[in-house]
PDB file of all heavy atoms in Angstrom:
ATOM      1  N   LYS A   1      51.142 165.597-104.066  1.00  0.00           N
ATOM      2  CA  LYS A   1      50.971 164.156-104.056  1.00  0.00           C
ATOM      3  C   LYS A   1      49.612 163.832-103.438  1.00  0.00           C
ATOM      4  O   LYS A   1      49.265 164.357-102.382  1.00  0.00           O
ATOM      5  CB  LYS A   1      52.067 163.473-103.244  1.00  0.00           C
ATOM      6  CG  LYS A   1      51.960 161.945-103.183  1.00  0.00           C
ATOM      7  CD  LYS A   1      52.959 161.363-102.201  1.00  0.00           C
ATOM      8  CE  LYS A   1      54.385 161.604-102.672  1.00  0.00           C
ATOM      9  NZ  LYS A   1      55.370 160.957-101.738  1.00  0.00           N
ATOM     10  N   VAL A   2      48.839 162.991-104.111  1.00  0.00           N
ATOM     11  CA  VAL A   2      47.529 162.584-103.618  1.00  0.00           C
ATOM     12  C   VAL A   2      47.500 161.066-103.493  1.00  0.00           C
ATOM     13  O   VAL A   2      47.782 160.351-104.464  1.00  0.00           O
ATOM     14  CB  VAL A   2      46.394 163.032-104.568  1.00  0.00           C
ATOM     15  CG1 VAL A   2      45.037 162.596-104.002  1.00  0.00           C
ATOM     16  CG2 VAL A   2      46.420 164.541-104.772  1.00  0.00           C
ATOM     17  N   LEU A   3      47.187 160.582-102.301  1.00  0.00           N
ATOM     18  CA  LEU A   3      47.028 159.158-102.066  1.00  0.00           C
ATOM     19  C   LEU A   3      45.542 158.859-101.964  1.00  0.00           C
ATOM     20  O   LEU A   3      44.833 159.497-101.182  1.00  0.00           O
ATOM     21  CB  LEU A   3      47.748 158.741-100.781  1.00  0.00           C
ATOM     22  CG  LEU A   3      49.241 159.098-100.690  1.00  0.00           C
ATOM     23  CD1 LEU A   3      49.797 158.697 -99.329  1.00  0.00           C
ATOM     24  CD2 LEU A   3      50.024 158.424-101.808  1.00  0.00           C
ATOM     25  N   PHE A   4      45.071 157.911-102.763  1.00  0.00           N
ATOM     26  CA  PHE A   4      43.655 157.557-102.705  1.00  0.00           C
ATOM     27  C   PHE A   4      43.468 156.071-102.984  1.00  0.00           C
ATOM     28  O   PHE A   4      44.372 155.381-103.479  1.00  0.00           O
ATOM     29  CB  PHE A   4      42.830 158.398-103.680  1.00  0.00           C
ATOM     30  CG  PHE A   4      42.984 158.046-105.131  1.00  0.00           C
ATOM     31  CD1 PHE A   4      42.066 157.209-105.772  1.00  0.00           C
ATOM     32  CD2 PHE A   4      44.041 158.550-105.878  1.00  0.00           C
ATOM     33  CE1 PHE A   4      42.206 156.886-107.109  1.00  0.00           C
ATOM     34  CE2 PHE A   4      44.181 158.230-107.230  1.00  0.00           C
ATOM     35  CZ  PHE A   4      43.256 157.398-107.843  1.00  0.00           C
ATOM     36  N   THR A   5      42.278 155.584-102.639  1.00  0.00           N
ATOM     37  CA  THR A   5      41.949 154.166-102.796  1.00  0.00           C
ATOM     38  C   THR A   5      40.696 154.019-103.645  1.00  0.00           C
ATOM     39  O   THR A   5      39.732 154.769-103.469  1.00  0.00           O
ATOM     40  CB  THR A   5      41.712 153.501-101.428  1.00  0.00           C
ATOM     41  OG1 THR A   5      42.900 153.620-100.641  1.00  0.00           O
ATOM     42  CG2 THR A   5      41.356 152.039-101.583  1.00  0.00           C
ATOM     43  N   GLN A   6      40.721 153.067-104.563  1.00  0.00           N
ATOM     44  CA  GLN A   6      39.540 152.718-105.358  1.00  0.00           C
ATOM     45  C   GLN A   6      39.500 151.200-105.531  1.00  0.00           C
ATOM     46  O   GLN A   6      40.479 150.591-105.964  1.00  0.00           O
ATOM     47  CB  GLN A   6      39.578 153.386-106.736  1.00  0.00           C
ATOM     48  CG  GLN A   6      38.318 153.115-107.571  1.00  0.00           C
ATOM     49  CD  GLN A   6      38.564 153.306-109.058  1.00  0.00           C
ATOM     50  OE1 GLN A   6      39.499 152.728-109.616  1.00  0.00           O
ATOM     51  NE2 GLN A   6      37.739 154.115-109.692  1.00  0.00           N
ATOM     52  N   ASN A   7      38.361 150.615-105.157  1.00  0.00           N
ATOM     53  CA  ASN A   7      38.172 149.165-105.298  1.00  0.00           C
ATOM     54  C   ASN A   7      39.297 148.366-104.665  1.00  0.00           C
ATOM     55  O   ASN A   7      39.774 147.365-105.213  1.00  0.00           O
ATOM     56  CB  ASN A   7      38.037 148.787-106.780  1.00  0.00           C
ATOM     57  CG  ASN A   7      36.830 149.415-107.441  1.00  0.00           C
ATOM     58  OD1 ASN A   7      35.814 149.629-106.800  1.00  0.00           O
ATOM     59  ND2 ASN A   7      36.949 149.716-108.732  1.00  0.00           N
ATOM     60  N   GLY A   8      39.744 148.821-103.488  1.00  0.00           N
ATOM     61  CA  GLY A   8      40.772 148.094-102.758  1.00  0.00           C
ATOM     62  C   GLY A   8      42.183 148.308-103.259  1.00  0.00           C
ATOM     63  O   GLY A   8      43.137 147.723-102.726  1.00  0.00           O
ATOM     64  N   ILE A   9      42.356 149.133-104.282  1.00  0.00           N
ATOM     65  CA  ILE A   9      43.681 149.411-104.829  1.00  0.00           C
ATOM     66  C   ILE A   9      44.129 150.796-104.379  1.00  0.00           C
ATOM     67  O   ILE A   9      43.367 151.764-104.459  1.00  0.00           O
ATOM     68  CB  ILE A   9      43.672 149.335-106.369  1.00  0.00           C
ATOM     69  CG1 ILE A   9      43.216 147.948-106.840  1.00  0.00           C
ATOM     70  CG2 ILE A   9      45.059 149.668-106.932  1.00  0.00           C
ATOM     71  CD1 ILE A   9      43.052 147.841-108.337  1.00  0.00           C
ATOM     72  N   ASP A  10      45.353 150.901-103.890  1.00  0.00           N
ATOM     73  CA  ASP A  10      45.913 152.177-103.453  1.00  0.00           C
ATOM     74  C   ASP A  10      46.678 152.836-104.593  1.00  0.00           C
ATOM     75  O   ASP A  10      47.487 152.183-105.273  1.00  0.00           O
ATOM     76  CB  ASP A  10      46.856 151.970-102.258  1.00  0.00           C
ATOM     77  CG  ASP A  10      46.123 151.459-101.030  1.00  0.00           C
ATOM     78  OD1 ASP A  10      44.965 151.868-100.818  1.00  0.00           O
ATOM     79  OD2 ASP A  10      46.706 150.637-100.279  1.00  0.00           O
ATOM     80  N   TYR A  11      46.420 154.125-104.789  1.00  0.00           N
ATOM     81  CA  TYR A  11      47.080 154.877-105.852  1.00  0.00           C
ATOM     82  C   TYR A  11      47.838 156.065-105.262  1.00  0.00           C
ATOM     83  O   TYR A  11      47.455 156.631-104.231  1.00  0.00           O
ATOM     84  CB  TYR A  11      46.053 155.409-106.856  1.00  0.00           C
ATOM     85  CG  TYR A  11      45.331 154.343-107.647  1.00  0.00           C
ATOM     86  CD1 TYR A  11      44.148 153.782-107.177  1.00  0.00           C
ATOM     87  CD2 TYR A  11      45.837 153.917-108.867  1.00  0.00           C
ATOM     88  CE1 TYR A  11      43.475 152.815-107.907  1.00  0.00           C
ATOM     89  CE2 TYR A  11      45.172 152.949-109.619  1.00  0.00           C
ATOM     90  CZ  TYR A  11      43.991 152.403-109.127  1.00  0.00           C
ATOM     91  OH  TYR A  11      43.336 151.435-109.850  1.00  0.00           O
ATOM     92  N   GLU A  12      48.902 156.447-105.961  1.00  0.00           N
ATOM     93  CA  GLU A  12      49.659 157.652-105.618  1.00  0.00           C
ATOM     94  C   GLU A  12      49.772 158.519-106.859  1.00  0.00           C
ATOM     95  O   GLU A  12      50.395 158.119-107.844  1.00  0.00           O
ATOM     96  CB  GLU A  12      51.049 157.292-105.102  1.00  0.00           C
ATOM     97  CG  GLU A  12      51.903 158.512-104.767  1.00  0.00           C
ATOM     98  CD  GLU A  12      53.294 158.123-104.304  1.00  0.00           C
ATOM     99  OE1 GLU A  12      53.393 157.359-103.315  1.00  0.00           O
ATOM    100  OE2 GLU A  12      54.278 158.587-104.944  1.00  0.00           O
ATOM    101  N   VAL A  13      49.142 159.693-106.811  1.00  0.00           N
ATOM    102  CA  VAL A  13      49.164 160.618-107.941  1.00  0.00           C
ATOM    103  C   VAL A  13      50.166 161.727-107.659  1.00  0.00           C
ATOM    104  O   VAL A  13      50.108 162.376-106.606  1.00  0.00           O
ATOM    105  CB  VAL A  13      47.779 161.251-108.178  1.00  0.00           C
ATOM    106  CG1 VAL A  13      47.824 162.164-109.407  1.00  0.00           C
ATOM    107  CG2 VAL A  13      46.720 160.182-108.359  1.00  0.00           C
ATOM    108  N   ASN A  14      51.055 161.966-108.590  1.00  0.00           N
ATOM    109  CA  ASN A  14      51.957 163.101-108.507  1.00  0.00           C
ATOM    110  C   ASN A  14      51.609 164.092-109.611  1.00  0.00           C
ATOM    111  O   ASN A  14      51.443 163.715-110.780  1.00  0.00           O
ATOM    112  CB  ASN A  14      53.409 162.641-108.655  1.00  0.00           C
ATOM    113  CG  ASN A  14      53.923 162.014-107.371  1.00  0.00           C
ATOM    114  OD1 ASN A  14      54.211 162.714-106.403  1.00  0.00           O
ATOM    115  ND2 ASN A  14      54.010 160.678-107.356  1.00  0.00           N
ATOM    116  N   SER A  15      51.479 165.368-109.212  1.00  0.00           N
ATOM    117  CA  SER A  15      50.990 166.382-110.137  1.00  0.00           C
ATOM    118  C   SER A  15      51.598 167.734-109.810  1.00  0.00           C
ATOM    119  O   SER A  15      52.032 167.986-108.682  1.00  0.00           O
ATOM    120  CB  SER A  15      49.460 166.457-110.026  1.00  0.00           C
ATOM    121  OG  SER A  15      48.957 167.488-110.820  1.00  0.00           O
ATOM    122  N   LYS A  16      51.599 168.597-110.804  1.00  0.00           N
ATOM    123  CA  LYS A  16      52.055 169.968-110.584  1.00  0.00           C
ATOM    124  C   LYS A  16      50.968 170.812-109.918  1.00  0.00           C
ATOM    125  O   LYS A  16      51.257 171.709-109.126  1.00  0.00           O
ATOM    126  CB  LYS A  16      52.446 170.615-111.928  1.00  0.00           C
ATOM    127  CG  LYS A  16      53.717 170.076-112.538  1.00  0.00           C
ATOM    128  CD  LYS A  16      54.940 170.475-111.732  1.00  0.00           C
ATOM    129  CE  LYS A  16      56.228 170.081-112.443  1.00  0.00           C
ATOM    130  NZ  LYS A  16      57.428 170.405-111.616  1.00  0.00           N
ATOM    131  N   ILE A  17      49.705 170.528-110.272  1.00  0.00           N
ATOM    132  CA  ILE A  17      48.592 171.370-109.813  1.00  0.00           C
ATOM    133  C   ILE A  17      47.446 170.488-109.340  1.00  0.00           C
ATOM    134  O   ILE A  17      47.132 169.468-109.966  1.00  0.00           O
ATOM    135  CB  ILE A  17      48.078 172.276-110.957  1.00  0.00           C
ATOM    136  CG1 ILE A  17      49.200 173.165-111.488  1.00  0.00           C
ATOM    137  CG2 ILE A  17      46.906 173.143-110.476  1.00  0.00           C
ATOM    138  CD1 ILE A  17      48.819 173.939-112.739  1.00  0.00           C
ATOM    139  N   ILE A  18      46.814 170.901-108.254  1.00  0.00           N
ATOM    140  CA  ILE A  18      45.595 170.261-107.788  1.00  0.00           C
ATOM    141  C   ILE A  18      44.468 171.295-107.785  1.00  0.00           C
ATOM    142  O   ILE A  18      44.669 172.443-107.372  1.00  0.00           O
ATOM    143  CB  ILE A  18      45.765 169.632-106.390  1.00  0.00           C
ATOM    144  CG1 ILE A  18      44.506 168.830-105.997  1.00  0.00           C
ATOM    145  CG2 ILE A  18      46.102 170.666-105.327  1.00  0.00           C
ATOM    146  CD1 ILE A  18      44.698 167.963-104.761  1.00  0.00           C
ATOM    147  N   ILE A  19      43.312 170.902-108.300  1.00  0.00           N
ATOM    148  CA  ILE A  19      42.122 171.759-108.276  1.00  0.00           C
ATOM    149  C   ILE A  19      41.135 171.175-107.277  1.00  0.00           C
ATOM    150  O   ILE A  19      40.657 170.054-107.449  1.00  0.00           O
ATOM    151  CB  ILE A  19      41.475 171.857-109.676  1.00  0.00           C
ATOM    152  CG1 ILE A  19      42.453 172.507-110.663  1.00  0.00           C
ATOM    153  CG2 ILE A  19      40.180 172.667-109.617  1.00  0.00           C
ATOM    154  CD1 ILE A  19      41.933 172.580-112.096  1.00  0.00           C
ATOM    155  N   GLY A  20      40.855 171.933-106.237  1.00  0.00           N
ATOM    156  CA  GLY A  20      39.910 171.492-105.218  1.00  0.00           C
ATOM    157  C   GLY A  20      38.491 171.840-105.628  1.00  0.00           C
ATOM    158  O   GLY A  20      38.094 173.004-105.564  1.00  0.00           O
ATOM    159  N   ALA A  21      37.737 170.833-106.053  1.00  0.00           N
ATOM    160  CA  ALA A  21      36.337 171.011-106.441  1.00  0.00           C
ATOM    161  C   ALA A  21      35.467 170.086-105.598  1.00  0.00           C
ATOM    162  O   ALA A  21      34.462 169.549-106.052  1.00  0.00           O
ATOM    163  CB  ALA A  21      36.160 170.705-107.925  1.00  0.00           C
ATOM    164  N   ASP A  22      35.879 169.912-104.343  1.00  0.00           N
ATOM    165  CA  ASP A  22      35.283 168.899-103.478  1.00  0.00           C
ATOM    166  C   ASP A  22      34.354 169.480-102.416  1.00  0.00           C
ATOM    167  O   ASP A  22      34.219 168.939-101.316  1.00  0.00           O
ATOM    168  CB  ASP A  22      36.359 168.024-102.836  1.00  0.00           C
ATOM    169  CG  ASP A  22      37.518 168.817-102.234  1.00  0.00           C
ATOM    170  OD1 ASP A  22      37.724 169.979-102.621  1.00  0.00           O
ATOM    171  OD2 ASP A  22      38.236 168.266-101.385  1.00  0.00           O
ATOM    172  N   GLY A  23      33.674 170.587-102.758  1.00  0.00           N
ATOM    173  CA  GLY A  23      32.576 171.060-101.926  1.00  0.00           C
ATOM    174  C   GLY A  23      32.964 171.824-100.679  1.00  0.00           C
ATOM    175  O   GLY A  23      34.132 172.133-100.444  1.00  0.00           O
ATOM    176  N   ASP A  24      31.932 172.113 -99.855  1.00  0.00           N
ATOM    177  CA  ASP A  24      32.136 173.005 -98.709  1.00  0.00           C
ATOM    178  C   ASP A  24      32.992 172.377 -97.612  1.00  0.00           C
ATOM    179  O   ASP A  24      33.512 173.087 -96.759  1.00  0.00           O
ATOM    180  CB  ASP A  24      30.779 173.437 -98.143  1.00  0.00           C
ATOM    181  CG  ASP A  24      30.013 172.283 -97.526  1.00  0.00           C
ATOM    182  OD1 ASP A  24      29.809 171.269 -98.205  1.00  0.00           O
ATOM    183  OD2 ASP A  24      29.593 172.410 -96.367  1.00  0.00           O
TER     184      ASP A  24
END
């Protein structure tokens, strides 16, 4: 589960797999 915010809106993503490509 990933909780994130964009333009003041809160989102909840549910997924089987997460790929971490977010740097060091």
